[in-house]
Amino acid sequence: MCTVCREPVRSYAYRFHPPESSFFERCISLSWCSGCRIRSSALVHIPRRRVLTDALAGLPVYVRADLRRSEQALIEHLDAHGIGRPPAR
């Protein structure tokens, strides 16, 4: 829960490097609040064997590239599509 507005905090992690890269396990993790728009990001380690869902997989390559260039645009896209929602209780 967001400590500012008490809305659920959303999160999403994705791989930035291709599988053949030695940096494959270095991933980007985003967390944000849809209510007050506070966000944070971090470089995190996610083991190679853990499969991550690619929320941008169905988009054209140029759209994916544009979204990954802007953290704000990526979070807005994820938020608009309900990605990163906490599980329903």
PDB file of N, CA and C in Angstrom:
ATOM      1  N   MET A   1       0.827  -1.174   0.000  1.00  0.00           N
ATOM      2  CA  MET A   1       0.000   0.000   0.000  1.00  0.00           C
ATOM      3  C   MET A   1       0.883   1.254   0.000  1.00  0.00           C
ATOM      4  N   CYS A   2       0.466   2.234  -0.738  1.00  0.00           N
ATOM      5  CA  CYS A   2       1.179   3.508  -0.786  1.00  0.00           C
ATOM      6  C   CYS A   2       1.011   4.212   0.563  1.00  0.00           C
ATOM      7  N   THR A   3       2.104   4.695   1.110  1.00  0.00           N
ATOM      8  CA  THR A   3       2.039   5.370   2.400  1.00  0.00           C
ATOM      9  C   THR A   3       1.466   6.781   2.286  1.00  0.00           C
ATOM     10  N   VAL A   4       1.407   7.321   1.069  1.00  0.00           N
ATOM     11  CA  VAL A   4       0.887   8.674   0.869  1.00  0.00           C
ATOM     12  C   VAL A   4      -0.632   8.657   0.700  1.00  0.00           C
ATOM     13  N   CYS A   5      -1.138   7.818  -0.226  1.00  0.00           N
ATOM     14  CA  CYS A   5      -2.568   7.863  -0.545  1.00  0.00           C
ATOM     15  C   CYS A   5      -3.315   6.564  -0.254  1.00  0.00           C
ATOM     16  N   ARG A   6      -2.614   5.535   0.224  1.00  0.00           N
ATOM     17  CA  ARG A   6      -3.210   4.241   0.601  1.00  0.00           C
ATOM     18  C   ARG A   6      -3.744   3.428  -0.575  1.00  0.00           C
ATOM     19  N   GLU A   7      -3.330   3.758  -1.785  1.00  0.00           N
ATOM     20  CA  GLU A   7      -3.681   2.950  -2.962  1.00  0.00           C
ATOM     21  C   GLU A   7      -2.692   1.784  -3.059  1.00  0.00           C
ATOM     22  N   PRO A   8      -3.090   0.690  -3.734  1.00  0.00           N
ATOM     23  CA  PRO A   8      -2.142  -0.416  -3.927  1.00  0.00           C
ATOM     24  C   PRO A   8      -0.964   0.023  -4.807  1.00  0.00           C
ATOM     25  N   VAL A   9       0.209  -0.429  -4.451  1.00  0.00           N
ATOM     26  CA  VAL A   9       1.407  -0.145  -5.248  1.00  0.00           C
ATOM     27  C   VAL A   9       1.524  -1.220  -6.318  1.00  0.00           C
ATOM     28  N   ARG A  10       1.785  -0.800  -7.548  1.00  0.00           N
ATOM     29  CA  ARG A  10       1.942  -1.725  -8.673  1.00  0.00           C
ATOM     30  C   ARG A  10       3.429  -1.927  -8.952  1.00  0.00           C
ATOM     31  N   SER A  11       3.742  -3.033  -9.593  1.00  0.00           N
ATOM     32  CA  SER A  11       5.147  -3.280  -9.927  1.00  0.00           C
ATOM     33  C   SER A  11       5.255  -4.098 -11.211  1.00  0.00           C
ATOM     34  N   TYR A  12       6.411  -3.971 -11.833  1.00  0.00           N
ATOM     35  CA  TYR A  12       6.693  -4.680 -13.082  1.00  0.00           C
ATOM     36  C   TYR A  12       8.206  -4.759 -13.238  1.00  0.00           C
ATOM     37  N   ALA A  13       8.695  -5.911 -13.652  1.00  0.00           N
ATOM     38  CA  ALA A  13      10.129  -6.085 -13.896  1.00  0.00           C
ATOM     39  C   ALA A  13      10.312  -6.642 -15.298  1.00  0.00           C
ATOM     40  N   TYR A  14      11.380  -6.198 -15.955  1.00  0.00           N
ATOM     41  CA  TYR A  14      11.649  -6.706 -17.295  1.00  0.00           C
ATOM     42  C   TYR A  14      13.151  -6.813 -17.538  1.00  0.00           C
ATOM     43  N   ARG A  15      13.471  -7.693 -18.468  1.00  0.00           N
ATOM     44  CA  ARG A  15      14.874  -7.894 -18.846  1.00  0.00           C
ATOM     45  C   ARG A  15      15.243  -6.860 -19.898  1.00  0.00           C
ATOM     46  N   PHE A  16      16.415  -6.301 -19.738  1.00  0.00           N
ATOM     47  CA  PHE A  16      16.889  -5.258 -20.637  1.00  0.00           C
ATOM     48  C   PHE A  16      17.883  -5.799 -21.658  1.00  0.00           C
ATOM     49  N   HIS A  17      18.540  -6.895 -21.310  1.00  0.00           N
ATOM     50  CA  HIS A  17      19.586  -7.471 -22.162  1.00  0.00           C
ATOM     51  C   HIS A  17      19.117  -8.804 -22.761  1.00  0.00           C
ATOM     52  N   PRO A  18      19.628  -9.164 -23.929  1.00  0.00           N
ATOM     53  CA  PRO A  18      19.240 -10.437 -24.574  1.00  0.00           C
ATOM     54  C   PRO A  18      19.794 -11.636 -23.799  1.00  0.00           C
ATOM     55  N   PRO A  19      19.185 -12.824 -23.978  1.00  0.00           N
ATOM     56  CA  PRO A  19      19.596 -14.025 -23.239  1.00  0.00           C
ATOM     57  C   PRO A  19      21.072 -14.383 -23.371  1.00  0.00           C
ATOM     58  N   GLU A  20      21.687 -14.078 -24.496  1.00  0.00           N
ATOM     59  CA  GLU A  20      23.100 -14.434 -24.682  1.00  0.00           C
ATOM     60  C   GLU A  20      24.057 -13.477 -23.966  1.00  0.00           C
ATOM     61  N   SER A  21      23.544 -12.402 -23.433  1.00  0.00           N
ATOM     62  CA  SER A  21      24.374 -11.403 -22.750  1.00  0.00           C
ATOM     63  C   SER A  21      24.741 -11.858 -21.340  1.00  0.00           C
ATOM     64  N   SER A  22      25.932 -11.521 -20.904  1.00  0.00           N
ATOM     65  CA  SER A  22      26.341 -11.811 -19.527  1.00  0.00           C
ATOM     66  C   SER A  22      25.577 -10.921 -18.532  1.00  0.00           C
ATOM     67  N   PHE A  23      24.901  -9.899 -19.041  1.00  0.00           N
ATOM     68  CA  PHE A  23      24.113  -8.991 -18.201  1.00  0.00           C
ATOM     69  C   PHE A  23      22.626  -9.372 -18.152  1.00  0.00           C
ATOM     70  N   PHE A  24      22.262 -10.527 -18.701  1.00  0.00           N
ATOM     71  CA  PHE A  24      20.863 -10.950 -18.804  1.00  0.00           C
ATOM     72  C   PHE A  24      20.132 -10.928 -17.462  1.00  0.00           C
ATOM     73  N   GLU A  25      20.841 -11.236 -16.379  1.00  0.00           N
ATOM     74  CA  GLU A  25      20.210 -11.298 -15.057  1.00  0.00           C
ATOM     75  C   GLU A  25      20.030  -9.917 -14.418  1.00  0.00           C
ATOM     76  N   ARG A  26      20.571  -8.887 -15.029  1.00  0.00           N
ATOM     77  CA  ARG A  26      20.374  -7.515 -14.543  1.00  0.00           C
ATOM     78  C   ARG A  26      19.111  -6.971 -15.188  1.00  0.00           C
ATOM     79  N   CYS A  27      18.103  -6.761 -14.372  1.00  0.00           N
ATOM     80  CA  CYS A  27      16.782  -6.377 -14.875  1.00  0.00           C
ATOM     81  C   CYS A  27      16.357  -5.029 -14.297  1.00  0.00           C
ATOM     82  N   ILE A  28      15.372  -4.438 -14.937  1.00  0.00           N
ATOM     83  CA  ILE A  28      14.797  -3.183 -14.475  1.00  0.00           C
ATOM     84  C   ILE A  28      13.516  -3.516 -13.709  1.00  0.00           C
ATOM     85  N   SER A  29      13.390  -2.975 -12.516  1.00  0.00           N
ATOM     86  CA  SER A  29      12.191  -3.159 -11.714  1.00  0.00           C
ATOM     87  C   SER A  29      11.543  -1.799 -11.478  1.00  0.00           C
ATOM     88  N   LEU A  30      10.252  -1.711 -11.761  1.00  0.00           N
ATOM     89  CA  LEU A  30       9.496  -0.476 -11.572  1.00  0.00           C
ATOM     90  C   LEU A  30       8.413  -0.701 -10.516  1.00  0.00           C
ATOM     91  N   SER A  31       8.182   0.286  -9.688  1.00  0.00           N
ATOM     92  CA  SER A  31       7.073   0.291  -8.738  1.00  0.00           C
ATOM     93  C   SER A  31       6.440   1.664  -8.802  1.00  0.00           C
ATOM     94  N   TRP A  32       5.104   1.710  -8.728  1.00  0.00           N
ATOM     95  CA  TRP A  32       4.434   3.001  -8.813  1.00  0.00           C
ATOM     96  C   TRP A  32       3.069   2.940  -8.156  1.00  0.00           C
ATOM     97  N   CYS A  33       2.579   4.112  -7.816  1.00  0.00           N
ATOM     98  CA  CYS A  33       1.242   4.265  -7.252  1.00  0.00           C
ATOM     99  C   CYS A  33       0.388   4.988  -8.290  1.00  0.00           C
ATOM    100  N   SER A  34      -0.715   4.391  -8.659  1.00  0.00           N
ATOM    101  CA  SER A  34      -1.611   5.008  -9.635  1.00  0.00           C
ATOM    102  C   SER A  34      -2.349   6.202  -9.042  1.00  0.00           C
ATOM    103  N   GLY A  35      -2.487   6.226  -7.735  1.00  0.00           N
ATOM    104  CA  GLY A  35      -3.217   7.299  -7.082  1.00  0.00           C
ATOM    105  C   GLY A  35      -2.452   8.609  -7.036  1.00  0.00           C
ATOM    106  N   CYS A  36      -1.244   8.579  -6.501  1.00  0.00           N
ATOM    107  CA  CYS A  36      -0.499   9.835  -6.335  1.00  0.00           C
ATOM    108  C   CYS A  36       0.666   9.965  -7.319  1.00  0.00           C
ATOM    109  N   ARG A  37       0.848   8.949  -8.179  1.00  0.00           N
ATOM    110  CA  ARG A  37       1.837   8.982  -9.268  1.00  0.00           C
ATOM    111  C   ARG A  37       3.290   8.956  -8.787  1.00  0.00           C
ATOM    112  N   ILE A  38       3.537   8.568  -7.544  1.00  0.00           N
ATOM    113  CA  ILE A  38       4.914   8.386  -7.082  1.00  0.00           C
ATOM    114  C   ILE A  38       5.432   7.106  -7.715  1.00  0.00           C
ATOM    115  N   ARG A  39       6.687   7.123  -8.157  1.00  0.00           N
ATOM    116  CA  ARG A  39       7.264   5.937  -8.791  1.00  0.00           C
ATOM    117  C   ARG A  39       8.722   5.787  -8.394  1.00  0.00           C
ATOM    118  N   SER A  40       9.211   4.569  -8.548  1.00  0.00           N
ATOM    119  CA  SER A  40      10.629   4.320  -8.317  1.00  0.00           C
ATOM    120  C   SER A  40      11.072   3.202  -9.248  1.00  0.00           C
ATOM    121  N   SER A  41      12.356   3.161  -9.503  1.00  0.00           N
ATOM    122  CA  SER A  41      12.915   2.114 -10.350  1.00  0.00           C
ATOM    123  C   SER A  41      14.250   1.692  -9.778  1.00  0.00           C
ATOM    124  N   ALA A  42      14.652   0.484 -10.124  1.00  0.00           N
ATOM    125  CA  ALA A  42      15.925  -0.035  -9.628  1.00  0.00           C
ATOM    126  C   ALA A  42      16.453  -1.095 -10.585  1.00  0.00           C
ATOM    127  N   LEU A  43      17.739  -1.260 -10.561  1.00  0.00           N
ATOM    128  CA  LEU A  43      18.383  -2.357 -11.274  1.00  0.00           C
ATOM    129  C   LEU A  43      18.406  -3.525 -10.293  1.00  0.00           C
ATOM    130  N   VAL A  44      17.806  -4.651 -10.676  1.00  0.00           N
ATOM    131  CA  VAL A  44      17.702  -5.799  -9.776  1.00  0.00           C
ATOM    132  C   VAL A  44      18.263  -7.045 -10.444  1.00  0.00           C
ATOM    133  N   HIS A  45      18.638  -8.011  -9.631  1.00  0.00           N
ATOM    134  CA  HIS A  45      19.124  -9.290 -10.124  1.00  0.00           C
ATOM    135  C   HIS A  45      17.969 -10.282 -10.125  1.00  0.00           C
ATOM    136  N   ILE A  46      17.679 -10.844 -11.304  1.00  0.00           N
ATOM    137  CA  ILE A  46      16.663 -11.887 -11.419  1.00  0.00           C
ATOM    138  C   ILE A  46      17.334 -13.068 -12.107  1.00  0.00           C
ATOM    139  N   PRO A  47      17.358 -14.217 -11.442  1.00  0.00           N
ATOM    140  CA  PRO A  47      18.052 -15.383 -12.008  1.00  0.00           C
ATOM    141  C   PRO A  47      17.595 -15.717 -13.416  1.00  0.00           C
ATOM    142  N   ARG A  48      18.521 -16.205 -14.191  1.00  0.00           N
ATOM    143  CA  ARG A  48      18.300 -16.570 -15.586  1.00  0.00           C
ATOM    144  C   ARG A  48      17.141 -17.556 -15.741  1.00  0.00           C
ATOM    145  N   ARG A  49      16.982 -18.458 -14.796  1.00  0.00           N
ATOM    146  CA  ARG A  49      15.959 -19.506 -14.897  1.00  0.00           C
ATOM    147  C   ARG A  49      14.535 -18.987 -14.633  1.00  0.00           C
ATOM    148  N   ARG A  50      14.409 -17.796 -14.029  1.00  0.00           N
ATOM    149  CA  ARG A  50      13.086 -17.241 -13.753  1.00  0.00           C
ATOM    150  C   ARG A  50      12.542 -16.568 -15.019  1.00  0.00           C
ATOM    151  N   VAL A  51      11.375 -16.983 -15.436  1.00  0.00           N
ATOM    152  CA  VAL A  51      10.744 -16.442 -16.636  1.00  0.00           C
ATOM    153  C   VAL A  51       9.914 -15.225 -16.243  1.00  0.00           C
ATOM    154  N   LEU A  52      10.128 -14.121 -16.939  1.00  0.00           N
ATOM    155  CA  LEU A  52       9.370 -12.903 -16.698  1.00  0.00           C
ATOM    156  C   LEU A  52       8.346 -12.719 -17.812  1.00  0.00           C
ATOM    157  N   THR A  53       7.163 -12.268 -17.457  1.00  0.00           N
ATOM    158  CA  THR A  53       6.134 -11.977 -18.440  1.00  0.00           C
ATOM    159  C   THR A  53       6.473 -10.665 -19.131  1.00  0.00           C
ATOM    160  N   ASP A  54       6.463 -10.675 -20.456  1.00  0.00           N
ATOM    161  CA  ASP A  54       6.754  -9.467 -21.220  1.00  0.00           C
ATOM    162  C   ASP A  54       5.437  -8.792 -21.591  1.00  0.00           C
ATOM    163  N   ALA A  55       5.092  -7.752 -20.856  1.00  0.00           N
ATOM    164  CA  ALA A  55       3.832  -7.043 -21.076  1.00  0.00           C
ATOM    165  C   ALA A  55       3.790  -6.300 -22.407  1.00  0.00           C
ATOM    166  N   LEU A  56       4.933  -6.133 -23.039  1.00  0.00           N
ATOM    167  CA  LEU A  56       4.999  -5.396 -24.303  1.00  0.00           C
ATOM    168  C   LEU A  56       5.126  -6.331 -25.509  1.00  0.00           C
ATOM    169  N   ALA A  57       5.054  -7.619 -25.292  1.00  0.00           N
ATOM    170  CA  ALA A  57       5.310  -8.612 -26.344  1.00  0.00           C
ATOM    171  C   ALA A  57       4.432  -8.438 -27.581  1.00  0.00           C
ATOM    172  N   GLY A  58       3.198  -8.031 -27.419  1.00  0.00           N
ATOM    173  CA  GLY A  58       2.292  -7.912 -28.558  1.00  0.00           C
ATOM    174  C   GLY A  58       2.414  -6.610 -29.333  1.00  0.00           C
ATOM    175  N   LEU A  59       3.291  -5.731 -28.910  1.00  0.00           N
ATOM    176  CA  LEU A  59       3.429  -4.425 -29.557  1.00  0.00           C
ATOM    177  C   LEU A  59       4.484  -4.449 -30.655  1.00  0.00           C
ATOM    178  N   PRO A  60       4.361  -3.583 -31.645  1.00  0.00           N
ATOM    179  CA  PRO A  60       5.404  -3.489 -32.672  1.00  0.00           C
ATOM    180  C   PRO A  60       6.744  -3.074 -32.035  1.00  0.00           C
ATOM    181  N   VAL A  61       7.823  -3.472 -32.663  1.00  0.00           N
ATOM    182  CA  VAL A  61       9.170  -3.218 -32.144  1.00  0.00           C
ATOM    183  C   VAL A  61       9.408  -1.733 -31.871  1.00  0.00           C
ATOM    184  N   TYR A  62       8.970  -0.871 -32.769  1.00  0.00           N
ATOM    185  CA  TYR A  62       9.234   0.565 -32.587  1.00  0.00           C
ATOM    186  C   TYR A  62       8.450   1.135 -31.395  1.00  0.00           C
ATOM    187  N   VAL A  63       7.260   0.609 -31.113  1.00  0.00           N
ATOM    188  CA  VAL A  63       6.477   1.069 -29.959  1.00  0.00           C
ATOM    189  C   VAL A  63       7.149   0.605 -28.672  1.00  0.00           C
ATOM    190  N   ARG A  64       7.599  -0.654 -28.664  1.00  0.00           N
ATOM    191  CA  ARG A  64       8.315  -1.184 -27.499  1.00  0.00           C
ATOM    192  C   ARG A  64       9.549  -0.335 -27.207  1.00  0.00           C
ATOM    193  N   ALA A  65      10.290  -0.003 -28.243  1.00  0.00           N
ATOM    194  CA  ALA A  65      11.510   0.794 -28.070  1.00  0.00           C
ATOM    195  C   ALA A  65      11.182   2.178 -27.514  1.00  0.00           C
ATOM    196  N   ASP A  66      10.134   2.800 -28.026  1.00  0.00           N
ATOM    197  CA  ASP A  66       9.728   4.122 -27.526  1.00  0.00           C
ATOM    198  C   ASP A  66       9.340   4.059 -26.050  1.00  0.00           C
ATOM    199  N   LEU A  67       8.569   3.044 -25.677  1.00  0.00           N
ATOM    200  CA  LEU A  67       8.138   2.923 -24.284  1.00  0.00           C
ATOM    201  C   LEU A  67       9.319   2.678 -23.347  1.00  0.00           C
ATOM    202  N   ARG A  68      10.266   1.889 -23.780  1.00  0.00           N
ATOM    203  CA  ARG A  68      11.423   1.594 -22.916  1.00  0.00           C
ATOM    204  C   ARG A  68      12.389   2.766 -22.806  1.00  0.00           C
ATOM    205  N   ARG A  69      12.260   3.743 -23.685  1.00  0.00           N
ATOM    206  CA  ARG A  69      13.108   4.945 -23.605  1.00  0.00           C
ATOM    207  C   ARG A  69      12.629   5.923 -22.547  1.00  0.00           C
ATOM    208  N   SER A  70      11.369   5.803 -22.144  1.00  0.00           N
ATOM    209  CA  SER A  70      10.791   6.742 -21.187  1.00  0.00           C
ATOM    210  C   SER A  70      10.096   5.973 -20.058  1.00  0.00           C
ATOM    211  N   GLU A  71      10.669   6.054 -18.869  1.00  0.00           N
ATOM    212  CA  GLU A  71      10.078   5.374 -17.718  1.00  0.00           C
ATOM    213  C   GLU A  71       8.636   5.849 -17.494  1.00  0.00           C
ATOM    214  N   GLN A  72       8.406   7.140 -17.627  1.00  0.00           N
ATOM    215  CA  GLN A  72       7.067   7.688 -17.423  1.00  0.00           C
ATOM    216  C   GLN A  72       6.089   7.125 -18.451  1.00  0.00           C
ATOM    217  N   ALA A  73       6.469   7.086 -19.718  1.00  0.00           N
ATOM    218  CA  ALA A  73       5.593   6.556 -20.766  1.00  0.00           C
ATOM    219  C   ALA A  73       5.325   5.066 -20.541  1.00  0.00           C
ATOM    220  N   LEU A  74       6.339   4.321 -20.134  1.00  0.00           N
ATOM    221  CA  LEU A  74       6.170   2.895 -19.883  1.00  0.00           C
ATOM    222  C   LEU A  74       5.185   2.672 -18.738  1.00  0.00           C
ATOM    223  N   ILE A  75       5.356   3.401 -17.639  1.00  0.00           N
ATOM    224  CA  ILE A  75       4.449   3.247 -16.499  1.00  0.00           C
ATOM    225  C   ILE A  75       3.029   3.653 -16.886  1.00  0.00           C
ATOM    226  N   GLU A  76       2.878   4.715 -17.642  1.00  0.00           N
ATOM    227  CA  GLU A  76       1.541   5.136 -18.082  1.00  0.00           C
ATOM    228  C   GLU A  76       0.883   4.047 -18.937  1.00  0.00           C
ATOM    229  N   HIS A  77       1.656   3.436 -19.824  1.00  0.00           N
ATOM    230  CA  HIS A  77       1.139   2.353 -20.666  1.00  0.00           C
ATOM    231  C   HIS A  77       0.729   1.152 -19.803  1.00  0.00           C
ATOM    232  N   LEU A  78       1.603   0.743 -18.890  1.00  0.00           N
ATOM    233  CA  LEU A  78       1.303  -0.395 -18.023  1.00  0.00           C
ATOM    234  C   LEU A  78       0.070  -0.115 -17.171  1.00  0.00           C
ATOM    235  N   ASP A  79      -0.001   1.082 -16.629  1.00  0.00           N
ATOM    236  CA  ASP A  79      -1.124   1.486 -15.783  1.00  0.00           C
ATOM    237  C   ASP A  79      -2.437   1.478 -16.570  1.00  0.00           C
ATOM    238  N   ALA A  80      -2.409   2.016 -17.770  1.00  0.00           N
ATOM    239  CA  ALA A  80      -3.601   2.098 -18.611  1.00  0.00           C
ATOM    240  C   ALA A  80      -4.123   0.712 -19.000  1.00  0.00           C
ATOM    241  N   HIS A  81      -3.223  -0.267 -19.061  1.00  0.00           N
ATOM    242  CA  HIS A  81      -3.612  -1.627 -19.452  1.00  0.00           C
ATOM    243  C   HIS A  81      -3.772  -2.556 -18.248  1.00  0.00           C
ATOM    244  N   GLY A  82      -3.735  -1.992 -17.049  1.00  0.00           N
ATOM    245  CA  GLY A  82      -3.953  -2.783 -15.844  1.00  0.00           C
ATOM    246  C   GLY A  82      -2.830  -3.754 -15.518  1.00  0.00           C
ATOM    247  N   ILE A  83      -1.646  -3.490 -16.036  1.00  0.00           N
ATOM    248  CA  ILE A  83      -0.510  -4.368 -15.783  1.00  0.00           C
ATOM    249  C   ILE A  83       0.178  -3.924 -14.499  1.00  0.00           C
ATOM    250  N   GLY A  84       0.567  -4.900 -13.703  1.00  0.00           N
ATOM    251  CA  GLY A  84       1.237  -4.590 -12.453  1.00  0.00           C
ATOM    252  C   GLY A  84       0.274  -4.443 -11.293  1.00  0.00           C
ATOM    253  N   ARG A  85      -0.981  -4.758 -11.522  1.00  0.00           N
ATOM    254  CA  ARG A  85      -1.957  -4.689 -10.427  1.00  0.00           C
ATOM    255  C   ARG A  85      -1.653  -5.765  -9.405  1.00  0.00           C
ATOM    256  N   PRO A  86      -1.841  -5.423  -8.140  1.00  0.00           N
ATOM    257  CA  PRO A  86      -1.680  -6.466  -7.112  1.00  0.00           C
ATOM    258  C   PRO A  86      -2.781  -7.511  -7.269  1.00  0.00           C
ATOM    259  N   PRO A  87      -2.529  -8.748  -6.856  1.00  0.00           N
ATOM    260  CA  PRO A  87      -3.564  -9.790  -6.986  1.00  0.00           C
ATOM    261  C   PRO A  87      -4.826  -9.425  -6.201  1.00  0.00           C
ATOM    262  N   ALA A  88      -5.974  -9.795  -6.743  1.00  0.00           N
ATOM    263  CA  ALA A  88      -7.251  -9.533  -6.054  1.00  0.00           C
ATOM    264  C   ALA A  88      -7.339 -10.388  -4.802  1.00  0.00           C
ATOM    265  N   ARG A  89      -7.962  -9.838  -3.779  1.00  0.00           N
ATOM    266  CA  ARG A  89      -8.090 -10.581  -2.514  1.00  0.00           C
ATOM    267  C   ARG A  89      -9.348 -11.398  -2.504  1.00  0.00           C
TER     268      ARG A  89
END
